[in-house]
PDB file of N, CA and C in Angstrom:
ATOM      1  N   UNK A   1       0.814  -1.200   0.000  1.00  0.00           N
ATOM      2  CA  UNK A   1       0.000   0.000   0.000  1.00  0.00           C
ATOM      3  C   UNK A   1       0.856   1.262   0.000  1.00  0.00           C
ATOM      4  N   UNK A   2       1.802   1.434   0.893  1.00  0.00           N
ATOM      5  CA  UNK A   2       2.524   2.707   0.870  1.00  0.00           C
ATOM      6  C   UNK A   2       3.402   2.873  -0.367  1.00  0.00           C
ATOM      7  N   UNK A   3       3.813   1.760  -0.978  1.00  0.00           N
ATOM      8  CA  UNK A   3       4.731   1.865  -2.115  1.00  0.00           C
ATOM      9  C   UNK A   3       4.115   2.680  -3.247  1.00  0.00           C
ATOM     10  N   UNK A   4       2.864   2.461  -3.571  1.00  0.00           N
ATOM     11  CA  UNK A   4       2.219   3.202  -4.656  1.00  0.00           C
ATOM     12  C   UNK A   4       2.127   4.692  -4.329  1.00  0.00           C
ATOM     13  N   UNK A   5       1.802   5.005  -3.094  1.00  0.00           N
ATOM     14  CA  UNK A   5       1.730   6.417  -2.699  1.00  0.00           C
ATOM     15  C   UNK A   5       3.123   7.036  -2.693  1.00  0.00           C
ATOM     16  N   UNK A   6       4.120   6.277  -2.246  1.00  0.00           N
ATOM     17  CA  UNK A   6       5.490   6.784  -2.245  1.00  0.00           C
ATOM     18  C   UNK A   6       5.936   7.062  -3.681  1.00  0.00           C
ATOM     19  N   UNK A   7       5.560   6.198  -4.602  1.00  0.00           N
ATOM     20  CA  UNK A   7       5.927   6.413  -6.002  1.00  0.00           C
ATOM     21  C   UNK A   7       5.381   7.742  -6.517  1.00  0.00           C
ATOM     22  N   UNK A   8       4.191   8.124  -6.051  1.00  0.00           N
ATOM     23  CA  UNK A   8       3.626   9.422  -6.435  1.00  0.00           C
ATOM     24  C   UNK A   8       4.504  10.556  -5.910  1.00  0.00           C
ATOM     25  N   UNK A   9       4.938  10.434  -4.664  1.00  0.00           N
ATOM     26  CA  UNK A   9       5.817  11.448  -4.090  1.00  0.00           C
ATOM     27  C   UNK A   9       7.165  11.489  -4.814  1.00  0.00           C
ATOM     28  N   UNK A  10       7.708  10.318  -5.112  1.00  0.00           N
ATOM     29  CA  UNK A  10       8.981  10.250  -5.822  1.00  0.00           C
ATOM     30  C   UNK A  10       8.876  10.919  -7.195  1.00  0.00           C
ATOM     31  N   UNK A  11       7.770  10.665  -7.868  1.00  0.00           N
ATOM     32  CA  UNK A  11       7.547  11.271  -9.178  1.00  0.00           C
ATOM     33  C   UNK A  11       7.560  12.802  -9.070  1.00  0.00           C
ATOM     34  N   UNK A  12       6.932  13.313  -8.028  1.00  0.00           N
ATOM     35  CA  UNK A  12       6.896  14.762  -7.798  1.00  0.00           C
ATOM     36  C   UNK A  12       8.308  15.326  -7.632  1.00  0.00           C
ATOM     37  N   UNK A  13       9.193  14.558  -6.985  1.00  0.00           N
ATOM     38  CA  UNK A  13      10.572  15.001  -6.764  1.00  0.00           C
ATOM     39  C   UNK A  13      11.515  14.550  -7.880  1.00  0.00           C
ATOM     40  N   UNK A  14      10.945  13.913  -8.897  1.00  0.00           N
ATOM     41  CA  UNK A  14      11.719  13.408 -10.051  1.00  0.00           C
ATOM     42  C   UNK A  14      12.802  12.413  -9.624  1.00  0.00           C
ATOM     43  N   UNK A  15      12.385  11.475  -8.803  1.00  0.00           N
ATOM     44  CA  UNK A  15      13.270  10.421  -8.324  1.00  0.00           C
ATOM     45  C   UNK A  15      12.702   9.066  -8.714  1.00  0.00           C
ATOM     46  N   UNK A  16      13.589   8.091  -8.861  1.00  0.00           N
ATOM     47  CA  UNK A  16      13.102   6.751  -9.204  1.00  0.00           C
ATOM     48  C   UNK A  16      12.997   5.833  -7.990  1.00  0.00           C
ATOM     49  N   UNK A  17      13.691   6.173  -6.889  1.00  0.00           N
ATOM     50  CA  UNK A  17      13.625   5.327  -5.700  1.00  0.00           C
ATOM     51  C   UNK A  17      13.946   6.143  -4.449  1.00  0.00           C
ATOM     52  N   UNK A  18      13.576   5.588  -3.323  1.00  0.00           N
ATOM     53  CA  UNK A  18      13.868   6.225  -2.039  1.00  0.00           C
ATOM     54  C   UNK A  18      15.376   6.220  -1.797  1.00  0.00           C
ATOM     55  N   UNK A  19      16.030   5.128  -2.142  1.00  0.00           N
ATOM     56  CA  UNK A  19      17.480   5.033  -1.929  1.00  0.00           C
ATOM     57  C   UNK A  19      18.240   6.079  -2.726  1.00  0.00           C
ATOM     58  N   UNK A  20      17.703   6.470  -3.859  1.00  0.00           N
ATOM     59  CA  UNK A  20      18.316   7.498  -4.697  1.00  0.00           C
ATOM     60  C   UNK A  20      18.114   8.894  -4.109  1.00  0.00           C
ATOM     61  N   UNK A  21      17.161   9.035  -3.223  1.00  0.00           N
ATOM     62  CA  UNK A  21      16.724  10.347  -2.756  1.00  0.00           C
ATOM     63  C   UNK A  21      17.813  11.174  -2.078  1.00  0.00           C
ATOM     64  N   UNK A  22      18.635  10.579  -1.281  1.00  0.00           N
ATOM     65  CA  UNK A  22      19.564  11.372  -0.486  1.00  0.00           C
ATOM     66  C   UNK A  22      18.806  12.043   0.647  1.00  0.00           C
ATOM     67  N   UNK A  23      19.545  12.514   1.616  1.00  0.00           N
ATOM     68  CA  UNK A  23      18.908  13.019   2.826  1.00  0.00           C
ATOM     69  C   UNK A  23      18.035  14.247   2.588  1.00  0.00           C
ATOM     70  N   UNK A  24      18.493  15.205   1.808  1.00  0.00           N
ATOM     71  CA  UNK A  24      17.704  16.433   1.618  1.00  0.00           C
ATOM     72  C   UNK A  24      16.397  16.153   0.884  1.00  0.00           C
ATOM     73  N   UNK A  25      16.429  15.304  -0.119  1.00  0.00           N
ATOM     74  CA  UNK A  25      15.200  14.963  -0.844  1.00  0.00           C
ATOM     75  C   UNK A  25      14.283  14.100   0.015  1.00  0.00           C
ATOM     76  N   UNK A  26      14.878  13.234   0.830  1.00  0.00           N
ATOM     77  CA  UNK A  26      14.078  12.403   1.725  1.00  0.00           C
ATOM     78  C   UNK A  26      13.356  13.284   2.748  1.00  0.00           C
ATOM     79  N   UNK A  27      14.046  14.302   3.221  1.00  0.00           N
ATOM     80  CA  UNK A  27      13.411  15.240   4.152  1.00  0.00           C
ATOM     81  C   UNK A  27      12.261  15.978   3.462  1.00  0.00           C
ATOM     82  N   UNK A  28      12.472  16.391   2.215  1.00  0.00           N
ATOM     83  CA  UNK A  28      11.410  17.071   1.462  1.00  0.00           C
ATOM     84  C   UNK A  28      10.214  16.150   1.272  1.00  0.00           C
ATOM     85  N   UNK A  29      10.486  14.893   0.984  1.00  0.00           N
ATOM     86  CA  UNK A  29       9.416  13.908   0.801  1.00  0.00           C
ATOM     87  C   UNK A  29       8.660  13.717   2.114  1.00  0.00           C
ATOM     88  N   UNK A  30       9.378  13.603   3.214  1.00  0.00           N
ATOM     89  CA  UNK A  30       8.753  13.427   4.525  1.00  0.00           C
ATOM     90  C   UNK A  30       7.900  14.643   4.882  1.00  0.00           C
ATOM     91  N   UNK A  31       8.407  15.837   4.622  1.00  0.00           N
ATOM     92  CA  UNK A  31       7.630  17.052   4.887  1.00  0.00           C
ATOM     93  C   UNK A  31       6.341  17.075   4.074  1.00  0.00           C
ATOM     94  N   UNK A  32       6.412  16.615   2.832  1.00  0.00           N
ATOM     95  CA  UNK A  32       5.208  16.559   1.999  1.00  0.00           C
ATOM     96  C   UNK A  32       4.204  15.562   2.574  1.00  0.00           C
ATOM     97  N   UNK A  33       4.687  14.440   3.088  1.00  0.00           N
ATOM     98  CA  UNK A  33       3.757  13.470   3.684  1.00  0.00           C
ATOM     99  C   UNK A  33       3.132  14.039   4.954  1.00  0.00           C
ATOM    100  N   UNK A  34       3.909  14.792   5.732  1.00  0.00           N
ATOM    101  CA  UNK A  34       3.343  15.432   6.926  1.00  0.00           C
ATOM    102  C   UNK A  34       2.259  16.420   6.504  1.00  0.00           C
ATOM    103  N   UNK A  35       2.572  17.212   5.487  1.00  0.00           N
ATOM    104  CA  UNK A  35       1.600  18.183   4.982  1.00  0.00           C
ATOM    105  C   UNK A  35       0.313  17.478   4.545  1.00  0.00           C
ATOM    106  N   UNK A  36       0.456  16.391   3.805  1.00  0.00           N
ATOM    107  CA  UNK A  36      -0.721  15.644   3.350  1.00  0.00           C
ATOM    108  C   UNK A  36      -1.475  15.008   4.515  1.00  0.00           C
ATOM    109  N   UNK A  37      -0.758  14.586   5.543  1.00  0.00           N
ATOM    110  CA  UNK A  37      -1.388  14.042   6.749  1.00  0.00           C
ATOM    111  C   UNK A  37      -2.197  15.139   7.449  1.00  0.00           C
ATOM    112  N   UNK A  38      -1.607  16.309   7.589  1.00  0.00           N
ATOM    113  CA  UNK A  38      -2.279  17.409   8.279  1.00  0.00           C
ATOM    114  C   UNK A  38      -3.498  17.932   7.521  1.00  0.00           C
ATOM    115  N   UNK A  39      -3.475  17.837   6.202  1.00  0.00           N
ATOM    116  CA  UNK A  39      -4.617  18.308   5.412  1.00  0.00           C
ATOM    117  C   UNK A  39      -5.659  17.211   5.186  1.00  0.00           C
ATOM    118  N   UNK A  40      -5.372  15.993   5.669  1.00  0.00           N
ATOM    119  CA  UNK A  40      -6.330  14.905   5.543  1.00  0.00           C
ATOM    120  C   UNK A  40      -6.198  14.093   4.266  1.00  0.00           C
ATOM    121  N   UNK A  41      -5.176  14.389   3.455  1.00  0.00           N
ATOM    122  CA  UNK A  41      -4.966  13.605   2.237  1.00  0.00           C
ATOM    123  C   UNK A  41      -4.371  12.232   2.535  1.00  0.00           C
ATOM    124  N   UNK A  42      -3.768  12.091   3.710  1.00  0.00           N
ATOM    125  CA  UNK A  42      -3.271  10.799   4.185  1.00  0.00           C
ATOM    126  C   UNK A  42      -3.889  10.526   5.547  1.00  0.00           C
ATOM    127  N   UNK A  43      -4.336   9.310   5.747  1.00  0.00           N
ATOM    128  CA  UNK A  43      -4.812   8.917   7.074  1.00  0.00           C
ATOM    129  C   UNK A  43      -3.601   8.703   7.982  1.00  0.00           C
ATOM    130  N   UNK A  44      -3.857   8.556   9.268  1.00  0.00           N
ATOM    131  CA  UNK A  44      -2.778   8.272  10.206  1.00  0.00           C
ATOM    132  C   UNK A  44      -2.076   6.972   9.828  1.00  0.00           C
ATOM    133  N   UNK A  45      -2.851   5.960   9.475  1.00  0.00           N
ATOM    134  CA  UNK A  45      -2.254   4.673   9.110  1.00  0.00           C
ATOM    135  C   UNK A  45      -1.418   4.787   7.838  1.00  0.00           C
ATOM    136  N   UNK A  46      -1.898   5.541   6.857  1.00  0.00           N
ATOM    137  CA  UNK A  46      -1.113   5.729   5.630  1.00  0.00           C
ATOM    138  C   UNK A  46       0.172   6.490   5.921  1.00  0.00           C
ATOM    139  N   UNK A  47       0.060   7.560   6.698  1.00  0.00           N
ATOM    140  CA  UNK A  47       1.240   8.343   7.059  1.00  0.00           C
ATOM    141  C   UNK A  47       2.258   7.475   7.791  1.00  0.00           C
ATOM    142  N   UNK A  48       1.787   6.687   8.741  1.00  0.00           N
ATOM    143  CA  UNK A  48       2.663   5.811   9.507  1.00  0.00           C
ATOM    144  C   UNK A  48       3.322   4.762   8.603  1.00  0.00           C
ATOM    145  N   UNK A  49       2.537   4.151   7.728  1.00  0.00           N
ATOM    146  CA  UNK A  49       3.073   3.123   6.826  1.00  0.00           C
ATOM    147  C   UNK A  49       4.094   3.716   5.860  1.00  0.00           C
ATOM    148  N   UNK A  50       3.818   4.896   5.339  1.00  0.00           N
ATOM    149  CA  UNK A  50       4.759   5.543   4.417  1.00  0.00           C
ATOM    150  C   UNK A  50       6.046   5.917   5.149  1.00  0.00           C
ATOM    151  N   UNK A  51       5.916   6.438   6.367  1.00  0.00           N
ATOM    152  CA  UNK A  51       7.102   6.784   7.157  1.00  0.00           C
ATOM    153  C   UNK A  51       7.960   5.552   7.415  1.00  0.00           C
ATOM    154  N   UNK A  52       7.314   4.458   7.764  1.00  0.00           N
ATOM    155  CA  UNK A  52       8.034   3.204   7.986  1.00  0.00           C
ATOM    156  C   UNK A  52       8.739   2.754   6.705  1.00  0.00           C
ATOM    157  N   UNK A  53       8.033   2.825   5.601  1.00  0.00           N
ATOM    158  CA  UNK A  53       8.609   2.448   4.306  1.00  0.00           C
ATOM    159  C   UNK A  53       9.824   3.330   3.997  1.00  0.00           C
ATOM    160  N   UNK A  54       9.710   4.629   4.189  1.00  0.00           N
ATOM    161  CA  UNK A  54      10.822   5.541   3.914  1.00  0.00           C
ATOM    162  C   UNK A  54      12.018   5.224   4.799  1.00  0.00           C
ATOM    163  N   UNK A  55      11.735   4.928   6.060  1.00  0.00           N
ATOM    164  CA  UNK A  55      12.823   4.609   6.982  1.00  0.00           C
ATOM    165  C   UNK A  55      13.570   3.352   6.532  1.00  0.00           C
ATOM    166  N   UNK A  56      12.830   2.300   6.222  1.00  0.00           N
ATOM    167  CA  UNK A  56      13.466   1.043   5.788  1.00  0.00           C
ATOM    168  C   UNK A  56      14.178   1.211   4.458  1.00  0.00           C
ATOM    169  N   UNK A  57      13.497   1.813   3.494  1.00  0.00           N
ATOM    170  CA  UNK A  57      14.057   1.918   2.148  1.00  0.00           C
ATOM    171  C   UNK A  57      15.207   2.912   2.035  1.00  0.00           C
ATOM    172  N   UNK A  58      15.307   3.819   2.987  1.00  0.00           N
ATOM    173  CA  UNK A  58      16.398   4.794   2.937  1.00  0.00           C
ATOM    174  C   UNK A  58      17.744   4.163   3.296  1.00  0.00           C
ATOM    175  N   UNK A  59      17.717   2.953   3.789  1.00  0.00           N
ATOM    176  CA  UNK A  59      18.954   2.255   4.120  1.00  0.00           C
ATOM    177  C   UNK A  59      19.442   2.487   5.532  1.00  0.00           C
ATOM    178  N   UNK A  60      18.640   3.127   6.363  1.00  0.00           N
ATOM    179  CA  UNK A  60      19.046   3.402   7.739  1.00  0.00           C
ATOM    180  C   UNK A  60      19.377   2.107   8.462  1.00  0.00           C
ATOM    181  N   UNK A  61      18.560   1.094   8.260  1.00  0.00           N
ATOM    182  CA  UNK A  61      18.764  -0.161   8.992  1.00  0.00           C
ATOM    183  C   UNK A  61      19.979  -0.929   8.493  1.00  0.00           C
ATOM    184  N   UNK A  62      20.523  -0.536   7.334  1.00  0.00           N
ATOM    185  CA  UNK A  62      21.703  -1.235   6.835  1.00  0.00           C
ATOM    186  C   UNK A  62      22.974  -0.726   7.508  1.00  0.00           C
ATOM    187  N   UNK A  63      22.831   0.263   8.386  1.00  0.00           N
ATOM    188  CA  UNK A  63      23.989   0.752   9.116  1.00  0.00           C
ATOM    189  C   UNK A  63      24.668   1.938   8.462  1.00  0.00           C
ATOM    190  N   UNK A  64      24.093   2.492   7.414  1.00  0.00           N
ATOM    191  CA  UNK A  64      24.685   3.668   6.789  1.00  0.00           C
ATOM    192  C   UNK A  64      24.768   4.797   7.806  1.00  0.00           C
ATOM    193  N   UNK A  65      25.843   5.535   7.739  1.00  0.00           N
ATOM    194  CA  UNK A  65      25.972   6.706   8.602  1.00  0.00           C
ATOM    195  C   UNK A  65      25.102   7.815   8.053  1.00  0.00           C
ATOM    196  N   UNK A  66      24.386   8.466   8.906  1.00  0.00           N
ATOM    197  CA  UNK A  66      23.509   9.565   8.513  1.00  0.00           C
ATOM    198  C   UNK A  66      23.890  10.793   9.321  1.00  0.00           C
ATOM    199  N   UNK A  67      23.804  11.947   8.678  1.00  0.00           N
ATOM    200  CA  UNK A  67      24.205  13.174   9.351  1.00  0.00           C
ATOM    201  C   UNK A  67      23.126  13.710  10.281  1.00  0.00           C
ATOM    202  N   UNK A  68      21.909  13.257  10.131  1.00  0.00           N
ATOM    203  CA  UNK A  68      20.817  13.801  10.933  1.00  0.00           C
ATOM    204  C   UNK A  68      20.097  12.696  11.700  1.00  0.00           C
ATOM    205  N   UNK A  69      20.660  12.321  12.829  1.00  0.00           N
ATOM    206  CA  UNK A  69      20.050  11.251  13.623  1.00  0.00           C
ATOM    207  C   UNK A  69      18.663  11.638  14.117  1.00  0.00           C
ATOM    208  N   UNK A  70      18.470  12.921  14.420  1.00  0.00           N
ATOM    209  CA  UNK A  70      17.165  13.388  14.874  1.00  0.00           C
ATOM    210  C   UNK A  70      16.101  13.135  13.809  1.00  0.00           C
ATOM    211  N   UNK A  71      16.423  13.442  12.570  1.00  0.00           N
ATOM    212  CA  UNK A  71      15.480  13.228  11.472  1.00  0.00           C
ATOM    213  C   UNK A  71      15.151  11.750  11.311  1.00  0.00           C
ATOM    214  N   UNK A  72      16.164  10.896  11.288  1.00  0.00           N
ATOM    215  CA  UNK A  72      15.916   9.469  11.084  1.00  0.00           C
ATOM    216  C   UNK A  72      15.200   8.836  12.272  1.00  0.00           C
ATOM    217  N   UNK A  73      15.453   9.340  13.469  1.00  0.00           N
ATOM    218  CA  UNK A  73      14.703   8.860  14.637  1.00  0.00           C
ATOM    219  C   UNK A  73      13.233   9.249  14.524  1.00  0.00           C
ATOM    220  N   UNK A  74      12.990  10.485  14.084  1.00  0.00           N
ATOM    221  CA  UNK A  74      11.611  10.934  13.909  1.00  0.00           C
ATOM    222  C   UNK A  74      10.907  10.130  12.820  1.00  0.00           C
ATOM    223  N   UNK A  75      11.622   9.843  11.751  1.00  0.00           N
ATOM    224  CA  UNK A  75      11.053   9.034  10.674  1.00  0.00           C
ATOM    225  C   UNK A  75      10.693   7.642  11.192  1.00  0.00           C
ATOM    226  N   UNK A  76      11.564   7.063  11.999  1.00  0.00           N
ATOM    227  CA  UNK A  76      11.291   5.744  12.573  1.00  0.00           C
ATOM    228  C   UNK A  76      10.097   5.796  13.526  1.00  0.00           C
ATOM    229  N   UNK A  77      10.067   6.803  14.410  1.00  0.00           N
ATOM    230  CA  UNK A  77       8.944   6.924  15.350  1.00  0.00           C
ATOM    231  C   UNK A  77       7.630   7.149  14.603  1.00  0.00           C
ATOM    232  N   UNK A  78       7.676   7.924  13.531  1.00  0.00           N
ATOM    233  CA  UNK A  78       6.473   8.164  12.723  1.00  0.00           C
ATOM    234  C   UNK A  78       5.979   6.864  12.107  1.00  0.00           C
ATOM    235  N   UNK A  79       6.898   6.002  11.758  1.00  0.00           N
ATOM    236  CA  UNK A  79       6.543   4.696  11.214  1.00  0.00           C
ATOM    237  C   UNK A  79       5.881   3.785  12.232  1.00  0.00           C
ATOM    238  N   UNK A  80       6.052   4.094  13.501  1.00  0.00           N
ATOM    239  CA  UNK A  80       5.458   3.289  14.570  1.00  0.00           C
ATOM    240  C   UNK A  80       4.202   3.933  15.160  1.00  0.00           C
ATOM    241  N   UNK A  81       3.793   5.049  14.586  1.00  0.00           N
ATOM    242  CA  UNK A  81       2.676   5.819  15.126  1.00  0.00           C
ATOM    243  C   UNK A  81       1.381   5.010  15.224  1.00  0.00           C
ATOM    244  N   UNK A  82       1.081   4.219  14.219  1.00  0.00           N
ATOM    245  CA  UNK A  82      -0.139   3.385  14.264  1.00  0.00           C
ATOM    246  C   UNK A  82      -0.124   2.442  15.457  1.00  0.00           C
ATOM    247  N   UNK A  83       1.044   1.889  15.747  1.00  0.00           N
ATOM    248  CA  UNK A  83       1.184   1.001  16.904  1.00  0.00           C
ATOM    249  C   UNK A  83       0.943   1.773  18.198  1.00  0.00           C
ATOM    250  N   UNK A  84       1.566   2.951  18.318  1.00  0.00           N
ATOM    251  CA  UNK A  84       1.414   3.736  19.546  1.00  0.00           C
ATOM    252  C   UNK A  84      -0.044   4.137  19.792  1.00  0.00           C
ATOM    253  N   UNK A  85      -0.729   4.548  18.744  1.00  0.00           N
ATOM    254  CA  UNK A  85      -2.125   4.982  18.885  1.00  0.00           C
ATOM    255  C   UNK A  85      -2.998   3.858  19.413  1.00  0.00           C
ATOM    256  N   UNK A  86      -2.700   2.638  18.998  1.00  0.00           N
ATOM    257  CA  UNK A  86      -3.518   1.490  19.389  1.00  0.00           C
ATOM    258  C   UNK A  86      -2.929   0.707  20.554  1.00  0.00           C
ATOM    259  N   UNK A  87      -1.981   1.297  21.243  1.00  0.00           N
ATOM    260  CA  UNK A  87      -1.302   0.625  22.346  1.00  0.00           C
ATOM    261  C   UNK A  87      -2.271   0.173  23.425  1.00  0.00           C
ATOM    262  N   UNK A  88      -1.925  -0.912  24.048  1.00  0.00           N
ATOM    263  CA  UNK A  88      -2.792  -1.481  25.090  1.00  0.00           C
ATOM    264  C   UNK A  88      -2.620  -0.773  26.427  1.00  0.00           C
ATOM    265  N   UNK A  89      -1.506  -0.079  26.593  1.00  0.00           N
ATOM    266  CA  UNK A  89      -1.299   0.605  27.867  1.00  0.00           C
ATOM    267  C   UNK A  89      -1.326   2.120  27.666  1.00  0.00           C
ATOM    268  N   UNK A  90      -1.595   2.797  28.743  1.00  0.00           N
ATOM    269  CA  UNK A  90      -1.652   4.259  28.712  1.00  0.00           C
ATOM    270  C   UNK A  90      -0.284   4.845  28.318  1.00  0.00           C
ATOM    271  N   UNK A  91       0.785   4.217  28.780  1.00  0.00           N
ATOM    272  CA  UNK A  91       2.132   4.693  28.477  1.00  0.00           C
ATOM    273  C   UNK A  91       2.418   4.617  26.983  1.00  0.00           C
ATOM    274  N   UNK A  92       2.005   3.535  26.354  1.00  0.00           N
ATOM    275  CA  UNK A  92       2.222   3.387  24.911  1.00  0.00           C
ATOM    276  C   UNK A  92       1.395   4.428  24.154  1.00  0.00           C
ATOM    277  N   UNK A  93       0.161   4.621  24.557  1.00  0.00           N
ATOM    278  CA  UNK A  93      -0.689   5.625  23.898  1.00  0.00           C
ATOM    279  C   UNK A  93      -0.140   7.035  24.084  1.00  0.00           C
ATOM    280  N   UNK A  94       0.457   7.302  25.251  1.00  0.00           N
ATOM    281  CA  UNK A  94       1.091   8.603  25.480  1.00  0.00           C
ATOM    282  C   UNK A  94       2.246   8.817  24.495  1.00  0.00           C
ATOM    283  N   UNK A  95       2.899   7.743  24.090  1.00  0.00           N
ATOM    284  CA  UNK A  95       3.975   7.841  23.105  1.00  0.00           C
ATOM    285  C   UNK A  95       3.454   8.423  21.800  1.00  0.00           C
ATOM    286  N   UNK A  96       2.230   8.087  21.440  1.00  0.00           N
ATOM    287  CA  UNK A  96       1.628   8.616  20.206  1.00  0.00           C
ATOM    288  C   UNK A  96       1.529  10.132  20.278  1.00  0.00           C
ATOM    289  N   UNK A  97       1.105  10.635  21.415  1.00  0.00           N
ATOM    290  CA  UNK A  97       0.990  12.084  21.578  1.00  0.00           C
ATOM    291  C   UNK A  97       2.356  12.755  21.484  1.00  0.00           C
ATOM    292  N   UNK A  98       3.350  12.131  22.082  1.00  0.00           N
ATOM    293  CA  UNK A  98       4.711  12.689  22.033  1.00  0.00           C
ATOM    294  C   UNK A  98       5.244  12.670  20.606  1.00  0.00           C
ATOM    295  N   UNK A  99       5.035  11.598  19.886  1.00  0.00           N
ATOM    296  CA  UNK A  99       5.501  11.516  18.500  1.00  0.00           C
ATOM    297  C   UNK A  99       4.795  12.562  17.646  1.00  0.00           C
ATOM    298  N   UNK A 100       3.489  12.705  17.829  1.00  0.00           N
ATOM    299  CA  UNK A 100       2.764  13.738  17.074  1.00  0.00           C
ATOM    300  C   UNK A 100       3.308  15.128  17.390  1.00  0.00           C
ATOM    301  N   UNK A 101       3.609  15.378  18.639  1.00  0.00           N
ATOM    302  CA  UNK A 101       4.192  16.668  19.025  1.00  0.00           C
ATOM    303  C   UNK A 101       5.534  16.887  18.322  1.00  0.00           C
ATOM    304  N   UNK A 102       6.377  15.854  18.284  1.00  0.00           N
ATOM    305  CA  UNK A 102       7.667  15.952  17.606  1.00  0.00           C
ATOM    306  C   UNK A 102       7.493  16.193  16.103  1.00  0.00           C
ATOM    307  N   UNK A 103       6.514  15.505  15.504  1.00  0.00           N
ATOM    308  CA  UNK A 103       6.233  15.686  14.083  1.00  0.00           C
ATOM    309  C   UNK A 103       5.806  17.123  13.807  1.00  0.00           C
ATOM    310  N   UNK A 104       4.898  17.646  14.621  1.00  0.00           N
ATOM    311  CA  UNK A 104       4.420  19.014  14.432  1.00  0.00           C
ATOM    312  C   UNK A 104       5.540  20.023  14.638  1.00  0.00           C
ATOM    313  N   UNK A 105       6.388  19.785  15.626  1.00  0.00           N
ATOM    314  CA  UNK A 105       7.529  20.673  15.857  1.00  0.00           C
ATOM    315  C   UNK A 105       8.477  20.666  14.656  1.00  0.00           C
ATOM    316  N   UNK A 106       8.778  19.476  14.165  1.00  0.00           N
ATOM    317  CA  UNK A 106       9.669  19.340  13.011  1.00  0.00           C
ATOM    318  C   UNK A 106       9.072  20.045  11.792  1.00  0.00           C
ATOM    319  N   UNK A 107       7.802  19.824  11.561  1.00  0.00           N
ATOM    320  CA  UNK A 107       7.117  20.437  10.417  1.00  0.00           C
ATOM    321  C   UNK A 107       7.153  21.962  10.531  1.00  0.00           C
ATOM    322  N   UNK A 108       6.866  22.467  11.724  1.00  0.00           N
ATOM    323  CA  UNK A 108       6.879  23.909  11.937  1.00  0.00           C
ATOM    324  C   UNK A 108       8.261  24.515  11.744  1.00  0.00           C
ATOM    325  N   UNK A 109       9.267  23.778  12.149  1.00  0.00           N
ATOM    326  CA  UNK A 109      10.646  24.246  12.048  1.00  0.00           C
ATOM    327  C   UNK A 109      11.156  24.227  10.598  1.00  0.00           C
ATOM    328  N   UNK A 110      10.681  23.275   9.815  1.00  0.00           N
ATOM    329  CA  UNK A 110      11.221  23.071   8.466  1.00  0.00           C
ATOM    330  C   UNK A 110      10.379  23.671   7.339  1.00  0.00           C
ATOM    331  N   UNK A 111       9.153  24.055   7.633  1.00  0.00           N
ATOM    332  CA  UNK A 111       8.337  24.567   6.514  1.00  0.00           C
ATOM    333  C   UNK A 111       8.115  26.055   6.612  1.00  0.00           C
TER     334      UNK A 111
END
């Protein structure tokens, strides 16, 4: 599901893959997904799935060194947002609120 939507974003940035994106383009893509999430063009589950896809496909898990650990941590947490929202404990659900706060802060800082 997220792959088709990601392909639309990649097309907008004139890229053929997430791995080709590089950090600055990946950040631009992530900001666009946040924007679409905030305007209702993406559901929470779609936003979370796309964030997870971007995190995995960007090669972070392969051990590549990245200059912006804060960004990649936020991308990873955003990918887990669906899990946090549906958490069985109050502490896990509170994580969703914290992640959303971090996403909004990042969006406000970068746009």
